[in-house]
Amino acid sequence: MDELPLDIRKIMVAAIDGAEIAVVREGREVGHLSFHASVLEGVAFPISRLPTAVTPVHDGVTVVATAMRLPELARSRLSDEFGPGYIVLDLQDAPESADVVLTHPVSPQLLAQLRGRFPEARMIITEIEDEELGISYSGPVGRLLAAGASAYLPPLPVSAIASNLHAYLTQERLPGIEATSGEKGPLPPPLTQRPGDH
């Protein structure tokens, strides 16, 4: 940025500080510029500085660790919905041998930190909107669906995109997410996994 003219540099600094910058062409406002950081802010602690697990878990129980802040009632409700054989714990209370880490959309760097702490766990990304419990963890997919997109398909090969789109259009089950306010009835979104995941 040091090479930019002073007036442009001031505009860029204002955008970085959170100001929306109006774009004007021939006296008419045609849009706005805003700044979105591509660098994580905060402190990343080494794995050794993270608290150790404190909740004992019995053999044969599937441990789901939640990486988002959830009230105890929400974790209890999740555990009840999963059924017997599951326990849902806060990230700080979960053992390193957790089977699943449930997290909202995070950066690849934070996901790598979670993977380092829970090396055997399946990393499941989810967005939560629960008015009753007062929980909102939205992400880019949820925002796009709320803005009017009809459905979301996870990254797949072209042939799988075609079969999944066909399944969506003919109301068969497919591994994706559908907007709940669309014209078609909601499809239950099963968990999807990439080839090679366990």
N, C-alpha and C. Protein backbone atom coordinates (compact mmCIF):
# COMPACT_ATOMS: atom_id res chain seq x y z
N MET A 1 0.81 -1.19 0.00
CA MET A 1 0.00 0.00 0.00
C MET A 1 0.86 1.26 0.00
N ASP A 2 2.11 1.14 0.39
CA ASP A 2 2.97 2.33 0.48
C ASP A 2 3.17 3.00 -0.87
N GLU A 3 3.04 2.24 -1.96
CA GLU A 3 3.25 2.81 -3.29
C GLU A 3 2.04 3.59 -3.80
N LEU A 4 0.91 3.46 -3.14
CA LEU A 4 -0.31 4.14 -3.59
C LEU A 4 -0.23 5.63 -3.30
N PRO A 5 -0.91 6.45 -4.11
CA PRO A 5 -0.99 7.88 -3.81
C PRO A 5 -1.66 8.09 -2.45
N LEU A 6 -1.31 9.18 -1.77
CA LEU A 6 -1.78 9.45 -0.42
C LEU A 6 -3.30 9.42 -0.31
N ASP A 7 -4.03 10.04 -1.26
CA ASP A 7 -5.49 10.07 -1.16
C ASP A 7 -6.09 8.67 -1.28
N ILE A 8 -5.53 7.83 -2.15
CA ILE A 8 -6.01 6.45 -2.30
C ILE A 8 -5.67 5.65 -1.04
N ARG A 9 -4.47 5.88 -0.50
CA ARG A 9 -4.06 5.19 0.72
C ARG A 9 -5.01 5.50 1.88
N LYS A 10 -5.43 6.78 1.99
CA LYS A 10 -6.36 7.18 3.06
C LYS A 10 -7.70 6.44 2.90
N ILE A 11 -8.15 6.32 1.66
CA ILE A 11 -9.41 5.60 1.39
C ILE A 11 -9.26 4.13 1.79
N MET A 12 -8.13 3.52 1.44
CA MET A 12 -7.89 2.12 1.77
C MET A 12 -7.85 1.91 3.29
N VAL A 13 -7.18 2.81 4.00
CA VAL A 13 -7.10 2.71 5.46
C VAL A 13 -8.50 2.83 6.07
N ALA A 14 -9.31 3.75 5.53
CA ALA A 14 -10.68 3.90 6.02
C ALA A 14 -11.47 2.61 5.80
N ALA A 15 -11.30 1.98 4.64
CA ALA A 15 -11.99 0.72 4.36
C ALA A 15 -11.54 -0.38 5.32
N ILE A 16 -10.24 -0.45 5.58
CA ILE A 16 -9.71 -1.44 6.52
C ILE A 16 -10.29 -1.22 7.91
N ASP A 17 -10.50 0.04 8.27
CA ASP A 17 -11.05 0.38 9.58
C ASP A 17 -12.57 0.18 9.65
N GLY A 18 -13.19 -0.26 8.55
CA GLY A 18 -14.60 -0.60 8.58
C GLY A 18 -15.53 0.32 7.81
N ALA A 19 -15.00 1.39 7.23
CA ALA A 19 -15.86 2.31 6.48
C ALA A 19 -16.23 1.70 5.13
N GLU A 20 -17.49 1.92 4.71
CA GLU A 20 -17.88 1.54 3.35
C GLU A 20 -17.55 2.69 2.44
N ILE A 21 -16.89 2.40 1.36
CA ILE A 21 -16.44 3.43 0.43
C ILE A 21 -17.37 3.44 -0.78
N ALA A 22 -17.97 4.60 -1.05
CA ALA A 22 -18.87 4.73 -2.21
C ALA A 22 -18.05 4.81 -3.49
N VAL A 23 -18.50 4.11 -4.51
CA VAL A 23 -17.87 4.18 -5.83
C VAL A 23 -18.78 5.03 -6.71
N VAL A 24 -18.22 6.12 -7.25
CA VAL A 24 -19.00 7.08 -8.03
C VAL A 24 -18.44 7.13 -9.45
N ARG A 25 -19.35 7.04 -10.42
CA ARG A 25 -18.96 7.15 -11.82
C ARG A 25 -19.87 8.19 -12.46
N GLU A 26 -19.27 9.19 -13.06
CA GLU A 26 -20.00 10.27 -13.73
C GLU A 26 -21.07 10.87 -12.82
N GLY A 27 -20.70 11.06 -11.55
CA GLY A 27 -21.60 11.70 -10.60
C GLY A 27 -22.66 10.80 -10.00
N ARG A 28 -22.70 9.53 -10.41
CA ARG A 28 -23.70 8.59 -9.87
C ARG A 28 -23.02 7.52 -9.04
N GLU A 29 -23.62 7.23 -7.90
CA GLU A 29 -23.09 6.16 -7.06
C GLU A 29 -23.43 4.82 -7.70
N VAL A 30 -22.40 4.01 -7.97
CA VAL A 30 -22.62 2.73 -8.65
C VAL A 30 -22.34 1.53 -7.75
N GLY A 31 -21.87 1.77 -6.56
CA GLY A 31 -21.60 0.65 -5.65
C GLY A 31 -20.81 1.09 -4.44
N HIS A 32 -20.41 0.09 -3.65
CA HIS A 32 -19.62 0.33 -2.46
C HIS A 32 -18.46 -0.65 -2.40
N LEU A 33 -17.36 -0.20 -1.85
CA LEU A 33 -16.22 -1.07 -1.59
C LEU A 33 -16.18 -1.33 -0.10
N SER A 34 -15.88 -2.55 0.26
CA SER A 34 -15.69 -2.86 1.67
C SER A 34 -14.50 -3.79 1.79
N PHE A 35 -13.91 -3.85 2.95
CA PHE A 35 -12.70 -4.63 3.19
C PHE A 35 -13.05 -5.88 3.98
N HIS A 36 -12.56 -7.02 3.52
CA HIS A 36 -12.70 -8.27 4.25
C HIS A 36 -11.32 -8.86 4.45
N ALA A 37 -10.89 -8.98 5.70
CA ALA A 37 -9.55 -9.48 6.00
C ALA A 37 -9.41 -10.93 5.58
N SER A 38 -8.27 -11.26 5.02
CA SER A 38 -7.98 -12.66 4.70
C SER A 38 -6.96 -13.22 5.68
N VAL A 39 -6.73 -12.50 6.75
CA VAL A 39 -5.79 -12.91 7.78
C VAL A 39 -6.57 -13.12 9.07
N LEU A 40 -6.26 -14.19 9.77
CA LEU A 40 -6.91 -14.44 11.05
C LEU A 40 -6.46 -13.42 12.07
N GLU A 41 -7.38 -13.00 12.93
CA GLU A 41 -7.03 -12.15 14.05
C GLU A 41 -7.19 -12.95 15.31
N GLY A 42 -6.38 -12.65 16.30
CA GLY A 42 -6.45 -13.36 17.57
C GLY A 42 -5.17 -14.09 17.85
N VAL A 43 -5.20 -14.96 18.82
CA VAL A 43 -4.01 -15.68 19.24
C VAL A 43 -4.24 -17.16 19.05
N ALA A 44 -3.32 -17.82 18.36
CA ALA A 44 -3.38 -19.27 18.20
C ALA A 44 -2.45 -19.88 19.23
N PHE A 45 -3.01 -20.66 20.15
CA PHE A 45 -2.21 -21.29 21.18
C PHE A 45 -1.72 -22.64 20.68
N PRO A 46 -0.48 -23.00 21.02
CA PRO A 46 -0.01 -24.35 20.68
C PRO A 46 -0.90 -25.39 21.35
N ILE A 47 -0.98 -26.56 20.75
CA ILE A 47 -1.82 -27.63 21.27
C ILE A 47 -1.52 -27.89 22.74
N SER A 48 -0.26 -27.84 23.12
CA SER A 48 0.12 -28.16 24.50
C SER A 48 -0.47 -27.19 25.51
N ARG A 49 -0.86 -25.98 25.09
CA ARG A 49 -1.43 -25.01 26.01
C ARG A 49 -2.94 -25.12 26.13
N LEU A 50 -3.57 -25.96 25.31
CA LEU A 50 -5.01 -26.14 25.42
C LEU A 50 -5.33 -26.98 26.65
N PRO A 51 -6.46 -26.74 27.29
CA PRO A 51 -6.81 -27.53 28.47
C PRO A 51 -6.92 -29.02 28.13
N THR A 52 -6.61 -29.86 29.09
CA THR A 52 -6.73 -31.29 28.87
C THR A 52 -8.16 -31.74 29.16
N ALA A 53 -8.52 -32.88 28.60
CA ALA A 53 -9.88 -33.39 28.76
C ALA A 53 -10.16 -33.71 30.23
N VAL A 54 -11.38 -33.44 30.66
CA VAL A 54 -11.75 -33.71 32.04
C VAL A 54 -12.96 -34.63 32.16
N THR A 55 -13.63 -34.91 31.07
CA THR A 55 -14.84 -35.74 31.12
C THR A 55 -14.50 -37.17 30.74
N PRO A 56 -14.69 -38.12 31.68
CA PRO A 56 -14.44 -39.52 31.32
C PRO A 56 -15.53 -40.04 30.39
N VAL A 57 -15.14 -40.88 29.44
CA VAL A 57 -16.09 -41.42 28.47
C VAL A 57 -15.96 -42.94 28.47
N HIS A 58 -17.09 -43.63 28.43
CA HIS A 58 -17.10 -45.09 28.44
C HIS A 58 -16.87 -45.63 27.03
N ASP A 59 -16.31 -46.84 26.96
CA ASP A 59 -16.11 -47.49 25.66
C ASP A 59 -17.45 -47.69 24.97
N GLY A 60 -17.45 -47.62 23.66
CA GLY A 60 -18.66 -47.83 22.88
C GLY A 60 -19.55 -46.61 22.75
N VAL A 61 -19.14 -45.48 23.34
CA VAL A 61 -19.91 -44.25 23.25
C VAL A 61 -19.27 -43.36 22.19
N THR A 62 -20.08 -42.84 21.27
CA THR A 62 -19.58 -41.92 20.26
C THR A 62 -19.53 -40.52 20.87
N VAL A 63 -18.34 -39.94 20.89
CA VAL A 63 -18.14 -38.63 21.50
C VAL A 63 -18.18 -37.56 20.41
N VAL A 64 -19.10 -36.61 20.58
CA VAL A 64 -19.22 -35.47 19.67
C VAL A 64 -18.76 -34.23 20.44
N ALA A 65 -17.70 -33.60 19.97
CA ALA A 65 -17.20 -32.37 20.59
C ALA A 65 -17.72 -31.18 19.81
N THR A 66 -18.29 -30.20 20.50
CA THR A 66 -18.80 -29.00 19.82
C THR A 66 -17.77 -27.89 19.94
N ALA A 67 -17.37 -27.33 18.80
CA ALA A 67 -16.37 -26.27 18.78
C ALA A 67 -16.98 -24.89 18.88
N MET A 68 -18.30 -24.80 18.83
CA MET A 68 -18.95 -23.50 19.00
C MET A 68 -19.51 -23.43 20.42
N ARG A 69 -19.67 -22.21 20.93
CA ARG A 69 -20.22 -22.06 22.28
C ARG A 69 -21.70 -22.41 22.24
N LEU A 70 -22.05 -23.43 22.97
CA LEU A 70 -23.45 -23.85 23.07
C LEU A 70 -23.82 -23.96 24.54
N PRO A 71 -25.04 -23.54 24.90
CA PRO A 71 -25.46 -23.75 26.28
C PRO A 71 -25.62 -25.25 26.56
N GLU A 72 -25.53 -25.61 27.82
CA GLU A 72 -25.66 -27.01 28.21
C GLU A 72 -26.96 -27.61 27.69
N LEU A 73 -28.05 -26.82 27.68
CA LEU A 73 -29.33 -27.31 27.17
C LEU A 73 -29.21 -27.74 25.71
N ALA A 74 -28.48 -26.98 24.90
CA ALA A 74 -28.32 -27.32 23.49
C ALA A 74 -27.52 -28.60 23.33
N ARG A 75 -26.43 -28.74 24.08
CA ARG A 75 -25.64 -29.98 24.00
C ARG A 75 -26.46 -31.18 24.47
N SER A 76 -27.24 -30.98 25.52
CA SER A 76 -28.09 -32.05 26.03
C SER A 76 -29.15 -32.44 24.99
N ARG A 77 -29.74 -31.45 24.33
CA ARG A 77 -30.75 -31.73 23.31
C ARG A 77 -30.12 -32.46 22.13
N LEU A 78 -28.93 -32.03 21.71
CA LEU A 78 -28.23 -32.73 20.63
C LEU A 78 -27.99 -34.19 21.01
N SER A 79 -27.51 -34.40 22.21
CA SER A 79 -27.23 -35.76 22.68
C SER A 79 -28.50 -36.60 22.67
N ASP A 80 -29.61 -36.03 23.13
CA ASP A 80 -30.89 -36.75 23.12
C ASP A 80 -31.33 -37.08 21.70
N GLU A 81 -31.15 -36.12 20.77
CA GLU A 81 -31.55 -36.34 19.37
C GLU A 81 -30.69 -37.41 18.71
N PHE A 82 -29.40 -37.47 19.06
CA PHE A 82 -28.54 -38.52 18.51
C PHE A 82 -28.98 -39.89 19.00
N GLY A 83 -29.46 -39.94 20.23
CA GLY A 83 -29.92 -41.21 20.79
C GLY A 83 -28.87 -41.85 21.67
N PRO A 84 -29.20 -43.07 22.17
CA PRO A 84 -28.26 -43.75 23.06
C PRO A 84 -26.95 -44.05 22.34
N GLY A 85 -25.89 -44.06 23.09
CA GLY A 85 -24.59 -44.35 22.50
C GLY A 85 -23.84 -43.11 22.06
N TYR A 86 -24.40 -41.93 22.30
CA TYR A 86 -23.73 -40.67 21.95
C TYR A 86 -23.63 -39.79 23.19
N ILE A 87 -22.56 -39.02 23.25
CA ILE A 87 -22.43 -37.98 24.26
C ILE A 87 -21.90 -36.74 23.55
N VAL A 88 -22.48 -35.60 23.86
CA VAL A 88 -22.08 -34.33 23.24
C VAL A 88 -21.40 -33.50 24.32
N LEU A 89 -20.15 -33.13 24.08
CA LEU A 89 -19.35 -32.39 25.05
C LEU A 89 -18.83 -31.09 24.46
N ASP A 90 -18.61 -30.12 25.31
CA ASP A 90 -17.94 -28.90 24.89
C ASP A 90 -16.51 -29.26 24.50
N LEU A 91 -15.96 -28.54 23.56
CA LEU A 91 -14.61 -28.77 23.07
C LEU A 91 -13.60 -28.87 24.21
N GLN A 92 -13.74 -28.01 25.21
CA GLN A 92 -12.77 -27.99 26.31
C GLN A 92 -12.88 -29.21 27.21
N ASP A 93 -14.01 -29.89 27.20
CA ASP A 93 -14.22 -31.06 28.06
C ASP A 93 -14.04 -32.38 27.33
N ALA A 94 -13.88 -32.33 26.02
CA ALA A 94 -13.84 -33.56 25.21
C ALA A 94 -12.44 -34.17 25.23
N PRO A 95 -12.37 -35.50 25.24
CA PRO A 95 -11.07 -36.16 25.16
C PRO A 95 -10.50 -36.06 23.76
N GLU A 96 -9.18 -36.22 23.65
CA GLU A 96 -8.53 -36.17 22.34
C GLU A 96 -9.00 -37.29 21.43
N SER A 97 -9.61 -38.31 22.01
CA SER A 97 -10.10 -39.45 21.23
C SER A 97 -11.52 -39.24 20.72
N ALA A 98 -12.03 -37.99 20.78
CA ALA A 98 -13.39 -37.71 20.30
C ALA A 98 -13.58 -38.25 18.89
N ASP A 99 -14.78 -38.72 18.61
CA ASP A 99 -15.09 -39.30 17.30
C ASP A 99 -15.49 -38.27 16.27
N VAL A 100 -16.14 -37.19 16.72
CA VAL A 100 -16.66 -36.16 15.82
C VAL A 100 -16.39 -34.80 16.44
N VAL A 101 -15.98 -33.84 15.61
CA VAL A 101 -15.93 -32.44 16.03
C VAL A 101 -16.95 -31.70 15.18
N LEU A 102 -17.93 -31.10 15.85
CA LEU A 102 -18.99 -30.34 15.20
C LEU A 102 -18.63 -28.87 15.32
N THR A 103 -18.43 -28.20 14.19
CA THR A 103 -18.01 -26.80 14.23
C THR A 103 -18.76 -25.98 13.20
N HIS A 104 -18.89 -24.70 13.47
CA HIS A 104 -19.44 -23.78 12.49
C HIS A 104 -18.35 -23.50 11.45
N PRO A 105 -18.67 -22.84 10.32
CA PRO A 105 -17.64 -22.56 9.32
C PRO A 105 -16.51 -21.73 9.94
N VAL A 106 -15.30 -22.26 9.84
CA VAL A 106 -14.11 -21.61 10.40
C VAL A 106 -13.03 -21.56 9.33
N SER A 107 -11.93 -20.93 9.66
CA SER A 107 -10.82 -20.83 8.71
C SER A 107 -10.10 -22.17 8.59
N PRO A 108 -9.40 -22.39 7.48
CA PRO A 108 -8.60 -23.62 7.35
C PRO A 108 -7.56 -23.74 8.47
N GLN A 109 -7.03 -22.61 8.93
CA GLN A 109 -6.03 -22.65 9.99
C GLN A 109 -6.64 -23.18 11.29
N LEU A 110 -7.83 -22.69 11.64
CA LEU A 110 -8.48 -23.17 12.86
C LEU A 110 -8.89 -24.63 12.72
N LEU A 111 -9.34 -25.01 11.54
CA LEU A 111 -9.69 -26.41 11.31
C LEU A 111 -8.45 -27.30 11.51
N ALA A 112 -7.30 -26.83 11.06
CA ALA A 112 -6.05 -27.58 11.26
C ALA A 112 -5.73 -27.70 12.74
N GLN A 113 -5.98 -26.64 13.52
CA GLN A 113 -5.78 -26.70 14.97
C GLN A 113 -6.69 -27.76 15.59
N LEU A 114 -7.95 -27.77 15.17
CA LEU A 114 -8.89 -28.77 15.69
C LEU A 114 -8.45 -30.17 15.30
N ARG A 115 -8.00 -30.32 14.07
CA ARG A 115 -7.52 -31.62 13.59
C ARG A 115 -6.31 -32.07 14.43
N GLY A 116 -5.44 -31.13 14.78
CA GLY A 116 -4.28 -31.47 15.61
C GLY A 116 -4.68 -31.93 17.00
N ARG A 117 -5.70 -31.31 17.55
CA ARG A 117 -6.14 -31.68 18.90
C ARG A 117 -6.95 -32.97 18.89
N PHE A 118 -7.73 -33.20 17.84
CA PHE A 118 -8.58 -34.39 17.74
C PHE A 118 -8.22 -35.14 16.45
N PRO A 119 -7.08 -35.82 16.42
CA PRO A 119 -6.56 -36.38 15.16
C PRO A 119 -7.43 -37.46 14.53
N GLU A 120 -8.23 -38.18 15.31
CA GLU A 120 -9.04 -39.26 14.76
C GLU A 120 -10.48 -38.84 14.48
N ALA A 121 -10.85 -37.62 14.84
CA ALA A 121 -12.25 -37.19 14.73
C ALA A 121 -12.62 -36.83 13.30
N ARG A 122 -13.88 -37.05 12.96
CA ARG A 122 -14.43 -36.54 11.71
C ARG A 122 -14.79 -35.08 11.97
N MET A 123 -14.37 -34.20 11.09
CA MET A 123 -14.67 -32.78 11.23
C MET A 123 -15.94 -32.49 10.44
N ILE A 124 -17.00 -32.11 11.12
CA ILE A 124 -18.28 -31.83 10.49
C ILE A 124 -18.58 -30.34 10.64
N ILE A 125 -18.77 -29.67 9.51
CA ILE A 125 -19.07 -28.24 9.49
C ILE A 125 -20.59 -28.07 9.43
N THR A 126 -21.13 -27.24 10.30
CA THR A 126 -22.57 -27.01 10.30
C THR A 126 -22.86 -25.55 10.61
N GLU A 127 -24.03 -25.12 10.24
CA GLU A 127 -24.54 -23.81 10.63
C GLU A 127 -25.77 -24.08 11.49
N ILE A 128 -25.95 -23.30 12.54
CA ILE A 128 -27.08 -23.50 13.45
C ILE A 128 -27.89 -22.22 13.53
N GLU A 129 -29.19 -22.35 13.34
CA GLU A 129 -30.14 -21.26 13.57
C GLU A 129 -31.25 -21.83 14.43
N ASP A 130 -31.24 -21.54 15.72
CA ASP A 130 -32.24 -22.06 16.63
C ASP A 130 -32.77 -20.91 17.48
N GLU A 131 -33.92 -20.37 17.07
CA GLU A 131 -34.49 -19.23 17.79
C GLU A 131 -34.88 -19.60 19.21
N GLU A 132 -35.40 -20.80 19.40
CA GLU A 132 -35.83 -21.23 20.73
C GLU A 132 -34.68 -21.19 21.73
N LEU A 133 -33.51 -21.66 21.31
CA LEU A 133 -32.35 -21.69 22.21
C LEU A 133 -31.49 -20.44 22.09
N GLY A 134 -31.86 -19.54 21.17
CA GLY A 134 -31.09 -18.31 21.01
C GLY A 134 -29.70 -18.53 20.45
N ILE A 135 -29.57 -19.49 19.54
CA ILE A 135 -28.27 -19.83 18.97
C ILE A 135 -28.26 -19.47 17.49
N SER A 136 -27.21 -18.77 17.07
CA SER A 136 -27.06 -18.43 15.66
C SER A 136 -25.59 -18.54 15.27
N TYR A 137 -25.28 -19.54 14.49
CA TYR A 137 -23.96 -19.70 13.90
C TYR A 137 -24.16 -19.85 12.40
N SER A 138 -24.28 -18.71 11.73
CA SER A 138 -24.50 -18.77 10.29
C SER A 138 -23.15 -18.70 9.58
N GLY A 139 -23.19 -19.03 8.32
CA GLY A 139 -21.99 -19.01 7.50
C GLY A 139 -22.36 -18.65 6.09
N PRO A 140 -21.42 -18.79 5.17
CA PRO A 140 -21.68 -18.37 3.80
C PRO A 140 -22.81 -19.13 3.12
N VAL A 141 -22.94 -20.42 3.37
CA VAL A 141 -24.00 -21.20 2.72
C VAL A 141 -25.37 -20.75 3.22
N GLY A 142 -25.50 -20.60 4.53
CA GLY A 142 -26.76 -20.14 5.10
C GLY A 142 -27.15 -18.77 4.60
N ARG A 143 -26.16 -17.88 4.49
CA ARG A 143 -26.45 -16.53 3.99
C ARG A 143 -26.91 -16.58 2.54
N LEU A 144 -26.30 -17.45 1.73
CA LEU A 144 -26.71 -17.57 0.33
C LEU A 144 -28.11 -18.15 0.21
N LEU A 145 -28.43 -19.14 1.04
CA LEU A 145 -29.78 -19.71 1.01
C LEU A 145 -30.80 -18.67 1.46
N ALA A 146 -30.45 -17.89 2.50
CA ALA A 146 -31.36 -16.84 2.97
C ALA A 146 -31.55 -15.76 1.91
N ALA A 147 -30.54 -15.56 1.07
CA ALA A 147 -30.62 -14.53 0.03
C ALA A 147 -31.40 -14.99 -1.19
N GLY A 148 -31.80 -16.27 -1.23
CA GLY A 148 -32.63 -16.70 -2.34
C GLY A 148 -32.14 -17.91 -3.11
N ALA A 149 -30.95 -18.43 -2.78
CA ALA A 149 -30.50 -19.65 -3.45
C ALA A 149 -31.45 -20.79 -3.08
N SER A 150 -31.71 -21.70 -4.01
CA SER A 150 -32.64 -22.80 -3.76
C SER A 150 -32.00 -23.96 -3.01
N ALA A 151 -30.74 -24.24 -3.28
CA ALA A 151 -30.09 -25.38 -2.65
C ALA A 151 -28.58 -25.22 -2.73
N TYR A 152 -27.87 -26.07 -2.00
CA TYR A 152 -26.41 -26.10 -2.02
C TYR A 152 -25.97 -27.55 -2.20
N LEU A 153 -25.05 -27.76 -3.10
CA LEU A 153 -24.43 -29.07 -3.26
C LEU A 153 -22.97 -28.95 -2.85
N PRO A 154 -22.47 -29.88 -2.06
CA PRO A 154 -21.06 -29.82 -1.66
C PRO A 154 -20.16 -30.08 -2.86
N PRO A 155 -18.86 -29.81 -2.74
CA PRO A 155 -17.94 -30.06 -3.85
C PRO A 155 -17.98 -31.53 -4.28
N LEU A 156 -18.30 -31.76 -5.55
CA LEU A 156 -18.44 -33.10 -6.09
C LEU A 156 -17.91 -33.13 -7.52
N PRO A 157 -17.58 -34.33 -8.05
CA PRO A 157 -17.24 -34.42 -9.47
C PRO A 157 -18.45 -34.05 -10.33
N VAL A 158 -18.20 -33.70 -11.58
CA VAL A 158 -19.26 -33.25 -12.49
C VAL A 158 -20.38 -34.27 -12.59
N SER A 159 -20.04 -35.57 -12.71
CA SER A 159 -21.09 -36.58 -12.84
C SER A 159 -21.97 -36.62 -11.59
N ALA A 160 -21.37 -36.42 -10.43
CA ALA A 160 -22.16 -36.42 -9.19
C ALA A 160 -23.02 -35.16 -9.10
N ILE A 161 -22.52 -34.04 -9.61
CA ILE A 161 -23.33 -32.82 -9.64
C ILE A 161 -24.59 -33.07 -10.46
N ALA A 162 -24.42 -33.69 -11.63
CA ALA A 162 -25.57 -33.95 -12.50
C ALA A 162 -26.58 -34.86 -11.80
N SER A 163 -26.13 -35.95 -11.20
CA SER A 163 -27.08 -36.86 -10.55
C SER A 163 -27.72 -36.22 -9.33
N ASN A 164 -26.97 -35.40 -8.58
CA ASN A 164 -27.53 -34.73 -7.41
C ASN A 164 -28.53 -33.66 -7.82
N LEU A 165 -28.23 -32.92 -8.87
CA LEU A 165 -29.17 -31.90 -9.34
C LEU A 165 -30.46 -32.58 -9.83
N HIS A 166 -30.30 -33.69 -10.57
CA HIS A 166 -31.48 -34.43 -11.02
C HIS A 166 -32.30 -34.90 -9.81
N ALA A 167 -31.63 -35.42 -8.79
CA ALA A 167 -32.33 -35.88 -7.59
C ALA A 167 -33.07 -34.72 -6.92
N TYR A 168 -32.44 -33.55 -6.88
CA TYR A 168 -33.08 -32.38 -6.28
C TYR A 168 -34.33 -31.98 -7.07
N LEU A 169 -34.19 -31.94 -8.39
CA LEU A 169 -35.30 -31.52 -9.24
C LEU A 169 -36.46 -32.51 -9.21
N THR A 170 -36.16 -33.78 -8.97
CA THR A 170 -37.22 -34.79 -8.91
C THR A 170 -37.59 -35.14 -7.48
N GLN A 171 -37.09 -34.35 -6.51
CA GLN A 171 -37.41 -34.49 -5.09
C GLN A 171 -36.96 -35.81 -4.48
N GLU A 172 -35.87 -36.38 -4.99
CA GLU A 172 -35.28 -37.54 -4.33
C GLU A 172 -34.31 -37.02 -3.28
N ARG A 173 -33.87 -37.91 -2.37
CA ARG A 173 -32.89 -37.49 -1.36
C ARG A 173 -31.55 -37.25 -2.04
N LEU A 174 -30.84 -36.23 -1.57
CA LEU A 174 -29.52 -35.97 -2.08
C LEU A 174 -28.65 -35.41 -0.97
N PRO A 175 -27.33 -35.55 -1.09
CA PRO A 175 -26.44 -35.07 -0.04
C PRO A 175 -26.16 -33.58 -0.19
N GLY A 176 -27.07 -32.75 0.24
CA GLY A 176 -26.88 -31.31 0.13
C GLY A 176 -27.77 -30.59 1.10
N ILE A 177 -27.92 -29.32 0.89
CA ILE A 177 -28.73 -28.49 1.77
C ILE A 177 -29.70 -27.71 0.90
N GLU A 178 -30.95 -27.61 1.36
CA GLU A 178 -31.95 -26.87 0.62
C GLU A 178 -32.50 -25.76 1.48
N ALA A 179 -32.81 -24.64 0.86
CA ALA A 179 -33.45 -23.54 1.57
C ALA A 179 -34.80 -24.01 2.08
N THR A 180 -35.12 -23.68 3.32
CA THR A 180 -36.37 -24.16 3.90
C THR A 180 -37.56 -23.33 3.47
N SER A 181 -37.31 -22.15 2.89
CA SER A 181 -38.43 -21.30 2.49
C SER A 181 -38.72 -21.38 1.00
N GLY A 182 -38.12 -22.36 0.30
CA GLY A 182 -38.34 -22.48 -1.13
C GLY A 182 -39.71 -23.03 -1.45
N GLU A 183 -40.03 -23.10 -2.73
CA GLU A 183 -41.33 -23.60 -3.14
C GLU A 183 -41.46 -25.10 -2.90
N LYS A 184 -40.37 -25.82 -3.08
CA LYS A 184 -40.41 -27.26 -2.91
C LYS A 184 -40.25 -27.59 -1.43
N GLY A 185 -40.74 -28.75 -1.02
CA GLY A 185 -40.62 -29.16 0.37
C GLY A 185 -39.18 -29.40 0.75
N PRO A 186 -38.84 -29.22 2.04
CA PRO A 186 -37.45 -29.39 2.45
C PRO A 186 -37.02 -30.85 2.35
N LEU A 187 -35.80 -31.04 1.91
CA LEU A 187 -35.22 -32.36 1.85
C LEU A 187 -34.34 -32.55 3.07
N PRO A 188 -34.40 -33.67 3.75
CA PRO A 188 -33.52 -33.87 4.89
C PRO A 188 -32.08 -33.97 4.41
N PRO A 189 -31.17 -33.10 4.90
CA PRO A 189 -29.80 -33.12 4.41
C PRO A 189 -28.94 -34.11 5.17
N PRO A 190 -28.66 -35.29 4.62
CA PRO A 190 -27.80 -36.24 5.30
C PRO A 190 -26.37 -35.73 5.32
N LEU A 191 -25.56 -36.26 6.22
CA LEU A 191 -24.16 -35.88 6.26
C LEU A 191 -23.49 -36.32 4.97
N THR A 192 -22.59 -35.51 4.48
CA THR A 192 -21.84 -35.88 3.29
C THR A 192 -20.39 -36.01 3.67
N GLN A 193 -19.67 -36.80 2.93
CA GLN A 193 -18.24 -36.91 3.19
C GLN A 193 -17.51 -37.03 1.88
N ARG A 194 -16.25 -36.58 1.91
CA ARG A 194 -15.42 -36.69 0.73
C ARG A 194 -14.92 -38.12 0.61
N PRO A 195 -14.59 -38.56 -0.59
CA PRO A 195 -14.03 -39.90 -0.74
C PRO A 195 -12.76 -40.01 0.09
N GLY A 196 -12.62 -41.12 0.80
CA GLY A 196 -11.43 -41.35 1.62
C GLY A 196 -11.63 -40.99 3.07
N ASP A 197 -12.66 -40.20 3.42
CA ASP A 197 -12.95 -39.91 4.83
C ASP A 197 -13.54 -41.16 5.45
N HIS A 198 -13.39 -41.29 6.75
CA HIS A 198 -13.94 -42.46 7.45
C HIS A 198 -15.19 -42.09 8.18
